[in-house]
Amino acid sequence: MSKVTCDMAMSVDGFTAGPHQSLDQPFGEGAVDRLTQWMFSEPEQHAAVIENITAAGAFIMGRNMFSPGRGAWDLDWNGWWGEEPPYHAPVFVLTHHPREQLTMKGGTTFTFVTDGIEAAMSQAREAAGDRDVAIAGGAETVNQYLAAGLIDELRLHVAPVILGRGERLMDKIGDTTLEPVGDPSGTSLVTHLTYRVVR
């Protein structure tokens, strides 16, 4: 049976991005290299984990993960990933500002959803069919879906760093129980943890 998953790289103190996110620093000050170094320095050792991150049939992300802007759209902006994003599937972007669907190389389409997390979930489930739906981030979007009880499996990739400030995961999500699935794995750069979200 398909499920709703979420993969998040984070610091030991729970931050998925540093403060002051911008075009030049999309993960905020001092975060990107420290949180995701394992993906680029040790790709062979984490190949299965990396493959799972993009294996879903559809994805949901927040506006902040798609674009550095917050107001009306810059229509020349097509995401952080170049002409062929890594998703190769439908992606539903939560936003307050309407925008026409964007089709990219490799099978990724970005659909901009203005009527909330439940509407995005409904569209993503339909698009994914019998495959999983993945909540791709950022932290605020993941927190909304956790608070609504709409994530089945949470996969955390914890880097051994302390950021101290920024965008925090698990903030204001209410009473939530996480049940470990399998054993932790990883290297000196990251620990991979999988949890079933118990409702």
Protein backbone atom coordinates (compact mmCIF):
# COMPACT_ATOMS: atom_id res chain seq x y z
CA MET A 1 0.00 0.00 0.00
CA SER A 2 1.31 3.46 -0.84
CA LYS A 3 2.30 5.83 1.94
CA VAL A 4 3.28 9.43 2.53
CA THR A 5 6.99 9.75 3.26
CA CYS A 6 9.31 12.59 4.15
CA ASP A 7 13.12 12.81 3.98
CA MET A 8 14.83 15.70 5.78
CA ALA A 9 18.51 16.50 6.29
CA MET A 10 18.89 18.19 9.65
CA SER A 11 21.29 19.20 12.40
CA VAL A 12 21.43 17.43 15.76
CA ASP A 13 19.49 20.32 17.29
CA GLY A 14 16.66 19.97 14.77
CA PHE A 15 17.32 22.63 12.13
CA THR A 16 16.89 21.90 8.43
CA ALA A 17 18.20 25.29 7.30
CA GLY A 18 20.14 28.13 8.81
CA PRO A 19 18.90 31.71 9.20
CA HIS A 20 18.63 34.28 6.39
CA GLN A 21 17.84 32.01 3.45
CA SER A 22 18.46 33.78 0.14
CA LEU A 23 19.29 33.26 -3.53
CA ASP A 24 22.98 33.06 -2.65
CA GLN A 25 22.42 30.83 0.39
CA PRO A 26 19.27 28.73 -0.20
CA PHE A 27 19.85 26.68 2.97
CA GLY A 28 20.63 29.78 5.03
CA GLU A 29 23.86 30.86 6.63
CA GLY A 30 26.30 28.06 7.42
CA ALA A 31 23.97 25.14 6.70
CA VAL A 32 24.09 23.63 3.22
CA ASP A 33 27.57 22.09 3.21
CA ARG A 34 27.25 20.91 6.78
CA LEU A 35 23.83 19.27 6.43
CA THR A 36 24.22 17.65 3.01
CA GLN A 37 27.94 16.98 2.71
CA TRP A 38 27.30 13.24 2.92
CA MET A 39 25.35 13.30 -0.36
CA PHE A 40 28.26 14.69 -2.31
CA SER A 41 31.32 13.40 -0.42
CA GLU A 42 30.10 9.82 0.02
CA PRO A 43 27.43 9.15 -2.64
CA GLU A 44 28.35 5.47 -3.04
CA GLN A 45 27.95 4.80 0.69
CA HIS A 46 24.49 6.36 0.74
CA ALA A 47 23.26 5.29 -2.72
CA ALA A 48 20.16 3.45 -1.48
CA VAL A 49 19.19 6.36 0.78
CA ILE A 50 19.62 8.91 -2.01
CA GLU A 51 17.60 6.71 -4.40
CA ASN A 52 14.75 6.48 -1.87
CA ILE A 53 14.60 10.27 -1.52
CA THR A 54 13.50 10.67 -5.15
CA ALA A 55 11.60 7.37 -5.59
CA ALA A 56 8.07 8.69 -4.94
CA GLY A 57 5.36 8.96 -7.57
CA ALA A 58 4.62 12.59 -6.63
CA PHE A 59 6.09 15.26 -4.36
CA ILE A 60 4.84 18.20 -2.33
CA MET A 61 7.02 21.16 -1.36
CA GLY A 62 6.63 24.64 0.06
CA ARG A 63 7.15 27.84 -1.90
CA ASN A 64 10.36 28.47 0.04
CA MET A 65 11.86 25.21 -1.24
CA PHE A 66 11.06 26.07 -4.86
CA SER A 67 12.01 29.75 -4.88
CA PRO A 68 13.86 32.40 -2.86
CA GLY A 69 11.01 34.86 -3.48
CA ARG A 70 7.99 35.41 -1.24
CA GLY A 71 5.71 37.75 -3.19
CA ALA A 72 4.52 37.73 -6.80
CA TRP A 73 6.32 35.21 -9.00
CA ASP A 74 9.45 35.95 -10.99
CA LEU A 75 8.37 33.95 -14.05
CA ASP A 76 11.98 33.56 -15.17
CA TRP A 77 12.61 31.47 -12.03
CA ASN A 78 12.11 27.73 -12.62
CA GLY A 79 13.55 26.26 -9.41
CA TRP A 80 16.98 25.62 -7.94
CA TRP A 81 17.76 22.51 -10.01
CA GLY A 82 18.36 23.67 -13.58
CA GLU A 83 16.52 22.41 -16.66
CA GLU A 84 16.18 18.82 -15.37
CA PRO A 85 15.17 18.68 -11.68
CA PRO A 86 15.85 15.40 -9.82
CA TYR A 87 12.18 14.52 -9.20
CA HIS A 88 11.12 13.11 -12.61
CA ALA A 89 7.52 13.17 -11.38
CA PRO A 90 4.72 15.64 -10.59
CA VAL A 91 5.62 18.18 -7.88
CA PHE A 92 2.96 20.24 -6.11
CA VAL A 93 4.21 23.57 -4.74
CA LEU A 94 2.27 25.24 -1.90
CA THR A 95 1.92 28.97 -2.49
CA HIS A 96 -0.34 31.98 -1.97
CA HIS A 97 0.36 33.25 -5.50
CA PRO A 98 -1.14 31.50 -8.56
CA ARG A 99 1.16 30.42 -11.36
CA GLU A 100 0.71 28.31 -14.49
CA GLN A 101 1.99 24.73 -14.40
CA LEU A 102 5.68 24.44 -15.30
CA THR A 103 6.96 21.45 -17.30
CA MET A 104 10.67 20.65 -17.11
CA LYS A 105 12.98 18.11 -18.74
CA GLY A 106 13.01 14.57 -17.41
CA GLY A 107 9.32 14.34 -16.55
CA THR A 108 9.12 16.87 -13.70
CA THR A 109 6.06 19.11 -13.68
CA PHE A 110 5.53 21.81 -11.06
CA THR A 111 1.89 22.53 -10.22
CA PHE A 112 1.29 25.54 -7.95
CA VAL A 113 -1.42 24.93 -5.34
CA THR A 114 -3.04 27.91 -3.64
CA ASP A 115 -5.76 26.21 -1.59
CA GLY A 116 -3.81 24.49 1.18
CA ILE A 117 -2.07 21.32 2.24
CA GLU A 118 -5.09 19.02 1.93
CA ALA A 119 -5.70 20.09 -1.68
CA ALA A 120 -2.05 19.53 -2.52
CA MET A 121 -2.19 16.09 -0.90
CA SER A 122 -5.30 15.13 -2.84
CA GLN A 123 -3.70 16.14 -6.14
CA ALA A 124 -0.43 14.39 -5.27
CA ARG A 125 -2.17 11.13 -4.32
CA GLU A 126 -4.08 11.15 -7.58
CA ALA A 127 -0.92 11.83 -9.58
CA ALA A 128 1.12 9.17 -7.72
CA GLY A 129 -1.43 6.38 -8.24
CA ASP A 130 -0.21 3.35 -6.30
CA ARG A 131 3.23 4.88 -5.62
CA ASP A 132 4.26 6.88 -2.53
CA VAL A 133 3.81 10.62 -2.09
CA ALA A 134 6.83 12.44 -0.62
CA ILE A 135 6.77 15.68 1.36
CA ALA A 136 9.98 17.26 0.10
CA GLY A 137 10.23 20.21 2.50
CA GLY A 138 11.03 22.69 3.81
CA ALA A 139 10.59 22.51 7.56
CA GLU A 140 7.44 24.63 7.75
CA THR A 141 5.70 22.48 5.14
CA VAL A 142 6.76 19.25 6.85
CA ASN A 143 5.58 20.60 10.21
CA GLN A 144 2.16 21.40 8.75
CA TYR A 145 1.77 17.88 7.38
CA LEU A 146 2.99 16.31 10.64
CA ALA A 147 0.56 18.43 12.67
CA ALA A 148 -2.27 17.34 10.37
CA GLY A 149 -1.33 13.66 10.77
CA LEU A 150 -0.69 13.25 7.04
CA ILE A 151 2.84 11.73 7.09
CA ASP A 152 3.24 7.97 7.50
CA GLU A 153 7.04 7.62 7.47
CA LEU A 154 9.64 10.20 8.52
CA ARG A 155 13.22 9.61 7.37
CA LEU A 156 15.75 11.86 9.07
CA HIS A 157 19.35 12.33 7.90
CA VAL A 158 21.07 13.85 10.92
CA ALA A 159 24.42 15.61 10.43
CA PRO A 160 26.67 15.87 13.52
CA VAL A 161 26.48 19.66 13.68
CA ILE A 162 24.65 22.19 15.84
CA LEU A 163 23.26 25.22 14.00
CA GLY A 164 21.59 26.91 16.96
CA ARG A 165 19.06 28.81 14.84
CA GLY A 166 17.20 28.72 11.56
CA GLU A 167 14.27 26.64 10.30
CA ARG A 168 13.39 24.00 12.92
CA LEU A 169 11.73 20.68 12.22
CA MET A 170 9.06 19.36 14.67
CA ASP A 171 8.09 22.86 15.76
CA LYS A 172 4.48 23.24 16.98
CA ILE A 173 3.30 19.89 15.64
CA GLY A 174 1.48 18.79 18.79
CA ASP A 175 1.61 15.41 20.50
CA THR A 176 3.24 13.03 18.03
CA THR A 177 4.75 9.59 18.59
CA LEU A 178 7.52 8.25 16.36
CA GLU A 179 8.13 4.50 16.21
CA PRO A 180 11.62 3.46 14.99
CA VAL A 181 11.74 1.36 11.82
CA GLY A 182 14.86 -0.76 11.34
CA ASP A 183 18.28 0.14 12.68
CA PRO A 184 20.11 3.46 12.32
CA SER A 185 22.80 3.55 9.65
CA GLY A 186 25.32 6.05 8.40
CA THR A 187 28.88 7.33 8.56
CA SER A 188 30.77 10.03 10.44
CA LEU A 189 28.95 12.63 8.28
CA VAL A 190 25.35 11.51 8.85
CA THR A 191 23.06 9.15 10.73
CA HIS A 192 20.00 7.86 8.88
CA LEU A 193 16.93 7.28 11.04
CA THR A 194 13.51 6.04 9.92
CA TYR A 195 10.34 6.43 11.97
CA ARG A 196 6.73 5.42 11.52
CA VAL A 197 4.47 8.30 12.56
CA VAL A 198 1.94 6.87 15.01
CA ARG A 199 -1.45 8.58 15.07
